[in-house]
Amino acid sequence: MLKTMTCVLIAALLLGLTSCGGGAAGSDEGKTVAEIQTAVKDMSKATIEKAIESYKSAIAAHEGDLEGIEAKIKEIGGSALEGLMGGDDADDTKADLEKLKSQASEIAATLSSLKEKMAVYVSGLASAEG
């Protein structure tokens, strides 16, 4: 049962990760910070504000995904520590934990990149207003 629930959670999170990031955040995905800095200089204030809102939404979605994974890691870790599982169940649980930790790491890296890129827009907005 735990293995099935974990697999369902992993599939749902992967689906969520592939569908997040529309708008400016999604279109900037392959751009470097330097490329965004150059592009922001030619953007209107309204376009920059829209990009910031898009980044805020993408960041919030990824933070929610990360919180869900962290909660699942604690839940599975607690069960394993209680010694409720042995043999194949223990191996499956360990593999599930490693997958979840890997996903958490990927999401954390994505969050870091999104926040760094959003900061460029925030700086660009300050310049456009000033």
N, C-alpha and C. Protein backbone atom coordinates (compact mmCIF):
# COMPACT_ATOMS: atom_id res chain seq x y z
N MET A 1 0.82 -1.19 0.00
CA MET A 1 0.00 0.00 0.00
C MET A 1 0.87 1.26 0.00
N LEU A 2 1.87 1.28 0.84
CA LEU A 2 2.77 2.45 0.93
C LEU A 2 3.50 2.64 -0.39
N LYS A 3 3.92 1.54 -1.00
CA LYS A 3 4.63 1.63 -2.27
C LYS A 3 3.71 2.21 -3.35
N THR A 4 2.47 1.79 -3.38
CA THR A 4 1.51 2.29 -4.36
C THR A 4 1.26 3.77 -4.15
N MET A 5 1.09 4.20 -2.90
CA MET A 5 0.86 5.60 -2.60
C MET A 5 2.06 6.44 -3.02
N THR A 6 3.24 5.94 -2.78
CA THR A 6 4.46 6.65 -3.14
C THR A 6 4.56 6.79 -4.65
N CYS A 7 4.27 5.73 -5.37
CA CYS A 7 4.33 5.80 -6.83
C CYS A 7 3.33 6.80 -7.39
N VAL A 8 2.13 6.82 -6.81
CA VAL A 8 1.10 7.77 -7.25
C VAL A 8 1.57 9.20 -6.97
N LEU A 9 2.15 9.43 -5.80
CA LEU A 9 2.65 10.77 -5.46
C LEU A 9 3.76 11.19 -6.42
N ILE A 10 4.67 10.31 -6.70
CA ILE A 10 5.78 10.63 -7.60
C ILE A 10 5.24 10.97 -8.99
N ALA A 11 4.30 10.18 -9.48
CA ALA A 11 3.73 10.45 -10.81
C ALA A 11 3.02 11.79 -10.83
N ALA A 12 2.27 12.10 -9.78
CA ALA A 12 1.56 13.38 -9.72
C ALA A 12 2.54 14.55 -9.68
N LEU A 13 3.61 14.41 -8.92
CA LEU A 13 4.59 15.49 -8.84
C LEU A 13 5.31 15.69 -10.16
N LEU A 14 5.64 14.60 -10.83
CA LEU A 14 6.30 14.73 -12.13
C LEU A 14 5.38 15.40 -13.13
N LEU A 15 4.10 15.07 -13.10
CA LEU A 15 3.13 15.72 -13.98
C LEU A 15 3.05 17.20 -13.65
N GLY A 16 3.05 17.55 -12.38
CA GLY A 16 3.00 18.94 -11.96
C GLY A 16 4.24 19.70 -12.39
N LEU A 17 5.39 19.08 -12.32
CA LEU A 17 6.63 19.74 -12.70
C LEU A 17 6.68 20.02 -14.19
N THR A 18 6.12 19.11 -14.99
CA THR A 18 6.17 19.33 -16.43
C THR A 18 5.12 20.33 -16.89
N SER A 19 4.10 20.60 -16.06
CA SER A 19 3.05 21.53 -16.49
C SER A 19 3.21 22.91 -15.90
N CYS A 20 4.12 23.12 -14.98
CA CYS A 20 4.32 24.43 -14.35
C CYS A 20 5.19 25.32 -15.22
N GLY A 21 5.10 26.62 -14.95
CA GLY A 21 6.05 27.54 -15.56
C GLY A 21 5.58 28.18 -16.83
N GLY A 22 4.28 28.43 -16.96
CA GLY A 22 3.79 29.11 -18.14
C GLY A 22 4.18 30.57 -18.10
N GLY A 23 3.79 31.30 -19.12
CA GLY A 23 4.04 32.73 -19.15
C GLY A 23 5.51 33.06 -19.29
N ALA A 24 5.92 34.18 -18.74
CA ALA A 24 7.29 34.64 -18.88
C ALA A 24 8.28 33.66 -18.28
N ALA A 25 7.95 33.08 -17.14
CA ALA A 25 8.88 32.14 -16.51
C ALA A 25 9.13 30.96 -17.42
N GLY A 26 8.09 30.47 -18.08
CA GLY A 26 8.25 29.34 -18.99
C GLY A 26 9.05 29.70 -20.23
N SER A 27 8.83 30.91 -20.76
CA SER A 27 9.54 31.31 -21.97
C SER A 27 11.01 31.66 -21.69
N ASP A 28 11.34 31.94 -20.45
CA ASP A 28 12.72 32.26 -20.07
C ASP A 28 13.51 31.03 -19.65
N GLU A 29 12.86 29.89 -19.66
CA GLU A 29 13.46 28.69 -19.09
C GLU A 29 14.86 28.41 -19.62
N GLY A 30 15.07 28.57 -20.92
CA GLY A 30 16.37 28.27 -21.50
C GLY A 30 17.33 29.46 -21.50
N LYS A 31 16.88 30.60 -21.02
CA LYS A 31 17.73 31.80 -21.05
C LYS A 31 18.60 31.89 -19.81
N THR A 32 19.76 32.48 -20.00
CA THR A 32 20.64 32.73 -18.87
C THR A 32 20.22 34.04 -18.20
N VAL A 33 20.72 34.27 -17.02
CA VAL A 33 20.44 35.53 -16.32
C VAL A 33 20.93 36.71 -17.15
N ALA A 34 22.09 36.58 -17.76
CA ALA A 34 22.65 37.66 -18.59
C ALA A 34 21.74 37.97 -19.78
N GLU A 35 21.18 36.94 -20.39
CA GLU A 35 20.27 37.16 -21.51
C GLU A 35 18.99 37.86 -21.06
N ILE A 36 18.51 37.50 -19.89
CA ILE A 36 17.31 38.15 -19.36
C ILE A 36 17.62 39.60 -19.01
N GLN A 37 18.80 39.85 -18.44
CA GLN A 37 19.19 41.22 -18.11
C GLN A 37 19.19 42.10 -19.36
N THR A 38 19.68 41.57 -20.45
CA THR A 38 19.71 42.32 -21.70
C THR A 38 18.29 42.56 -22.22
N ALA A 39 17.45 41.55 -22.17
CA ALA A 39 16.09 41.66 -22.68
C ALA A 39 15.25 42.63 -21.85
N VAL A 40 15.44 42.63 -20.54
CA VAL A 40 14.64 43.47 -19.64
C VAL A 40 14.84 44.95 -19.95
N LYS A 41 16.02 45.32 -20.41
CA LYS A 41 16.31 46.72 -20.72
C LYS A 41 15.36 47.29 -21.77
N ASP A 42 14.86 46.43 -22.66
CA ASP A 42 13.98 46.88 -23.74
C ASP A 42 12.50 46.62 -23.46
N MET A 43 12.16 46.14 -22.28
CA MET A 43 10.78 45.81 -21.95
C MET A 43 10.06 47.00 -21.31
N SER A 44 8.76 47.02 -21.53
CA SER A 44 7.93 48.04 -20.87
C SER A 44 7.72 47.65 -19.41
N LYS A 45 7.30 48.61 -18.63
CA LYS A 45 7.02 48.36 -17.21
C LYS A 45 5.94 47.29 -17.07
N ALA A 46 4.91 47.35 -17.89
CA ALA A 46 3.82 46.37 -17.83
C ALA A 46 4.30 44.96 -18.14
N THR A 47 5.17 44.84 -19.10
CA THR A 47 5.71 43.52 -19.47
C THR A 47 6.57 42.96 -18.34
N ILE A 48 7.35 43.81 -17.73
CA ILE A 48 8.18 43.38 -16.60
C ILE A 48 7.30 42.94 -15.44
N GLU A 49 6.27 43.71 -15.14
CA GLU A 49 5.36 43.36 -14.04
C GLU A 49 4.68 42.02 -14.31
N LYS A 50 4.28 41.79 -15.55
CA LYS A 50 3.65 40.52 -15.92
C LYS A 50 4.63 39.36 -15.71
N ALA A 51 5.88 39.58 -16.09
CA ALA A 51 6.90 38.54 -15.91
C ALA A 51 7.10 38.23 -14.43
N ILE A 52 7.13 39.26 -13.61
CA ILE A 52 7.32 39.07 -12.16
C ILE A 52 6.16 38.24 -11.60
N GLU A 53 4.94 38.56 -12.00
CA GLU A 53 3.77 37.80 -11.52
C GLU A 53 3.85 36.34 -11.96
N SER A 54 4.31 36.13 -13.18
CA SER A 54 4.46 34.77 -13.68
C SER A 54 5.49 34.00 -12.86
N TYR A 55 6.59 34.66 -12.54
CA TYR A 55 7.61 34.02 -11.71
C TYR A 55 7.08 33.73 -10.31
N LYS A 56 6.32 34.66 -9.74
CA LYS A 56 5.75 34.43 -8.41
C LYS A 56 4.87 33.19 -8.42
N SER A 57 4.06 33.04 -9.45
CA SER A 57 3.18 31.87 -9.55
C SER A 57 3.98 30.58 -9.69
N ALA A 58 4.98 30.60 -10.55
CA ALA A 58 5.81 29.41 -10.75
C ALA A 58 6.56 29.03 -9.47
N ILE A 59 7.06 30.03 -8.77
CA ILE A 59 7.79 29.79 -7.52
C ILE A 59 6.85 29.20 -6.48
N ALA A 60 5.65 29.77 -6.35
CA ALA A 60 4.68 29.26 -5.37
C ALA A 60 4.32 27.80 -5.68
N ALA A 61 4.12 27.49 -6.94
CA ALA A 61 3.78 26.11 -7.32
C ALA A 61 4.92 25.15 -6.97
N HIS A 62 6.14 25.54 -7.27
CA HIS A 62 7.28 24.67 -6.97
C HIS A 62 7.51 24.55 -5.46
N GLU A 63 7.27 25.62 -4.72
CA GLU A 63 7.40 25.54 -3.26
C GLU A 63 6.37 24.57 -2.69
N GLY A 64 5.17 24.59 -3.25
CA GLY A 64 4.14 23.63 -2.83
C GLY A 64 4.55 22.20 -3.12
N ASP A 65 5.11 21.98 -4.31
CA ASP A 65 5.60 20.65 -4.67
C ASP A 65 6.68 20.19 -3.70
N LEU A 66 7.60 21.10 -3.38
CA LEU A 66 8.71 20.77 -2.49
C LEU A 66 8.19 20.43 -1.09
N GLU A 67 7.24 21.20 -0.61
CA GLU A 67 6.66 20.92 0.71
C GLU A 67 6.01 19.54 0.74
N GLY A 68 5.31 19.19 -0.34
CA GLY A 68 4.67 17.88 -0.42
C GLY A 68 5.68 16.75 -0.39
N ILE A 69 6.76 16.93 -1.12
CA ILE A 69 7.81 15.90 -1.14
C ILE A 69 8.47 15.79 0.23
N GLU A 70 8.77 16.93 0.86
CA GLU A 70 9.40 16.90 2.17
C GLU A 70 8.50 16.21 3.20
N ALA A 71 7.20 16.44 3.11
CA ALA A 71 6.26 15.79 4.03
C ALA A 71 6.26 14.28 3.80
N LYS A 72 6.29 13.88 2.54
CA LYS A 72 6.30 12.45 2.22
C LYS A 72 7.60 11.80 2.68
N ILE A 73 8.72 12.51 2.55
CA ILE A 73 10.00 11.98 3.03
C ILE A 73 9.94 11.74 4.53
N LYS A 74 9.38 12.71 5.27
CA LYS A 74 9.26 12.54 6.72
C LYS A 74 8.35 11.38 7.06
N GLU A 75 7.25 11.24 6.33
CA GLU A 75 6.30 10.16 6.59
C GLU A 75 6.94 8.79 6.35
N ILE A 76 7.61 8.66 5.22
CA ILE A 76 8.25 7.38 4.90
C ILE A 76 9.41 7.13 5.85
N GLY A 77 10.19 8.15 6.14
CA GLY A 77 11.31 8.00 7.06
C GLY A 77 10.87 7.59 8.44
N GLY A 78 9.77 8.15 8.90
CA GLY A 78 9.24 7.79 10.21
C GLY A 78 8.81 6.34 10.27
N SER A 79 8.17 5.87 9.22
CA SER A 79 7.74 4.47 9.16
C SER A 79 8.94 3.53 9.18
N ALA A 80 9.98 3.90 8.44
CA ALA A 80 11.17 3.05 8.39
C ALA A 80 11.87 3.02 9.74
N LEU A 81 11.91 4.17 10.41
CA LEU A 81 12.57 4.23 11.72
C LEU A 81 11.83 3.43 12.77
N GLU A 82 10.53 3.35 12.63
CA GLU A 82 9.74 2.60 13.61
C GLU A 82 9.94 1.10 13.45
N GLY A 83 10.64 0.70 12.39
CA GLY A 83 10.93 -0.72 12.19
C GLY A 83 9.71 -1.51 11.75
N LEU A 84 8.78 -0.84 11.11
CA LEU A 84 7.57 -1.51 10.67
C LEU A 84 7.80 -2.37 9.43
N MET A 85 8.89 -2.15 8.78
CA MET A 85 9.14 -2.87 7.53
C MET A 85 10.44 -3.64 7.62
N GLY A 86 10.49 -4.70 6.86
CA GLY A 86 11.71 -5.47 6.78
C GLY A 86 11.82 -6.10 5.40
N GLY A 87 12.96 -6.61 5.05
CA GLY A 87 13.17 -7.31 3.79
C GLY A 87 12.95 -6.44 2.59
N ASP A 88 12.13 -6.94 1.65
CA ASP A 88 11.86 -6.23 0.40
C ASP A 88 11.19 -4.88 0.64
N ASP A 89 10.31 -4.81 1.65
CA ASP A 89 9.65 -3.54 1.95
C ASP A 89 10.67 -2.48 2.33
N ALA A 90 11.67 -2.87 3.09
CA ALA A 90 12.71 -1.92 3.50
C ALA A 90 13.50 -1.43 2.29
N ASP A 91 13.81 -2.36 1.37
CA ASP A 91 14.54 -1.97 0.15
C ASP A 91 13.71 -1.03 -0.70
N ASP A 92 12.40 -1.33 -0.84
CA ASP A 92 11.51 -0.47 -1.62
C ASP A 92 11.40 0.91 -0.99
N THR A 93 11.31 0.93 0.33
CA THR A 93 11.19 2.21 1.04
C THR A 93 12.45 3.04 0.87
N LYS A 94 13.60 2.39 0.95
CA LYS A 94 14.86 3.11 0.76
C LYS A 94 14.94 3.68 -0.65
N ALA A 95 14.53 2.91 -1.64
CA ALA A 95 14.55 3.38 -3.03
C ALA A 95 13.57 4.54 -3.22
N ASP A 96 12.39 4.43 -2.61
CA ASP A 96 11.40 5.51 -2.68
C ASP A 96 11.95 6.79 -2.06
N LEU A 97 12.61 6.65 -0.91
CA LEU A 97 13.19 7.82 -0.25
C LEU A 97 14.25 8.48 -1.12
N GLU A 98 15.08 7.69 -1.75
CA GLU A 98 16.12 8.23 -2.61
C GLU A 98 15.52 8.97 -3.80
N LYS A 99 14.45 8.43 -4.38
CA LYS A 99 13.78 9.09 -5.50
C LYS A 99 13.19 10.43 -5.05
N LEU A 100 12.55 10.41 -3.89
CA LEU A 100 11.95 11.65 -3.38
C LEU A 100 13.01 12.70 -3.06
N LYS A 101 14.12 12.25 -2.48
CA LYS A 101 15.21 13.19 -2.17
C LYS A 101 15.79 13.78 -3.45
N SER A 102 15.91 12.97 -4.48
CA SER A 102 16.41 13.45 -5.76
C SER A 102 15.45 14.48 -6.36
N GLN A 103 14.15 14.20 -6.29
CA GLN A 103 13.16 15.14 -6.79
C GLN A 103 13.19 16.44 -6.00
N ALA A 104 13.33 16.33 -4.70
CA ALA A 104 13.41 17.54 -3.86
C ALA A 104 14.61 18.38 -4.25
N SER A 105 15.71 17.73 -4.53
CA SER A 105 16.93 18.44 -4.93
C SER A 105 16.72 19.15 -6.27
N GLU A 106 16.07 18.48 -7.21
CA GLU A 106 15.80 19.08 -8.52
C GLU A 106 14.87 20.29 -8.38
N ILE A 107 13.85 20.16 -7.57
CA ILE A 107 12.91 21.27 -7.37
C ILE A 107 13.62 22.44 -6.69
N ALA A 108 14.47 22.14 -5.72
CA ALA A 108 15.21 23.21 -5.03
C ALA A 108 16.11 23.96 -6.02
N ALA A 109 16.73 23.25 -6.93
CA ALA A 109 17.58 23.89 -7.94
C ALA A 109 16.73 24.75 -8.88
N THR A 110 15.57 24.25 -9.26
CA THR A 110 14.66 25.01 -10.11
C THR A 110 14.20 26.28 -9.39
N LEU A 111 13.86 26.14 -8.13
CA LEU A 111 13.45 27.31 -7.34
C LEU A 111 14.54 28.36 -7.28
N SER A 112 15.75 27.93 -7.07
CA SER A 112 16.87 28.85 -7.00
C SER A 112 17.01 29.61 -8.32
N SER A 113 16.91 28.90 -9.42
CA SER A 113 17.01 29.53 -10.74
C SER A 113 15.86 30.51 -10.97
N LEU A 114 14.65 30.10 -10.63
CA LEU A 114 13.49 30.98 -10.81
C LEU A 114 13.64 32.26 -9.99
N LYS A 115 14.09 32.11 -8.76
CA LYS A 115 14.24 33.28 -7.89
C LYS A 115 15.33 34.21 -8.41
N GLU A 116 16.40 33.64 -8.92
CA GLU A 116 17.49 34.45 -9.46
C GLU A 116 17.01 35.23 -10.69
N LYS A 117 16.27 34.56 -11.56
CA LYS A 117 15.76 35.22 -12.76
C LYS A 117 14.70 36.27 -12.42
N MET A 118 13.85 35.98 -11.44
CA MET A 118 12.84 36.95 -11.04
C MET A 118 13.51 38.21 -10.48
N ALA A 119 14.61 38.04 -9.78
CA ALA A 119 15.33 39.19 -9.22
C ALA A 119 15.79 40.13 -10.33
N VAL A 120 16.11 39.58 -11.49
CA VAL A 120 16.50 40.42 -12.62
C VAL A 120 15.33 41.30 -13.05
N TYR A 121 14.15 40.71 -13.09
CA TYR A 121 12.95 41.48 -13.45
C TYR A 121 12.64 42.54 -12.40
N VAL A 122 12.77 42.18 -11.14
CA VAL A 122 12.52 43.14 -10.06
C VAL A 122 13.48 44.32 -10.18
N SER A 123 14.73 44.02 -10.44
CA SER A 123 15.72 45.08 -10.63
C SER A 123 15.39 45.92 -11.85
N GLY A 124 14.97 45.26 -12.92
CA GLY A 124 14.58 45.97 -14.14
C GLY A 124 13.37 46.85 -13.93
N LEU A 125 12.44 46.39 -13.08
CA LEU A 125 11.26 47.21 -12.77
C LEU A 125 11.67 48.44 -12.00
N ALA A 126 12.58 48.28 -11.06
CA ALA A 126 13.06 49.43 -10.29
C ALA A 126 13.72 50.45 -11.21
N SER A 127 14.46 49.98 -12.20
CA SER A 127 15.12 50.88 -13.15
C SER A 127 14.08 51.56 -14.04
N ALA A 128 13.05 50.82 -14.43
CA ALA A 128 12.01 51.39 -15.30
C ALA A 128 11.19 52.45 -14.57
N GLU A 129 11.04 52.26 -13.27
CA GLU A 129 10.26 53.22 -12.46
C GLU A 129 11.11 54.44 -12.09
N GLY A 130 12.42 54.24 -12.01
CA GLY A 130 13.31 55.29 -11.53
C GLY A 130 13.75 56.19 -12.61
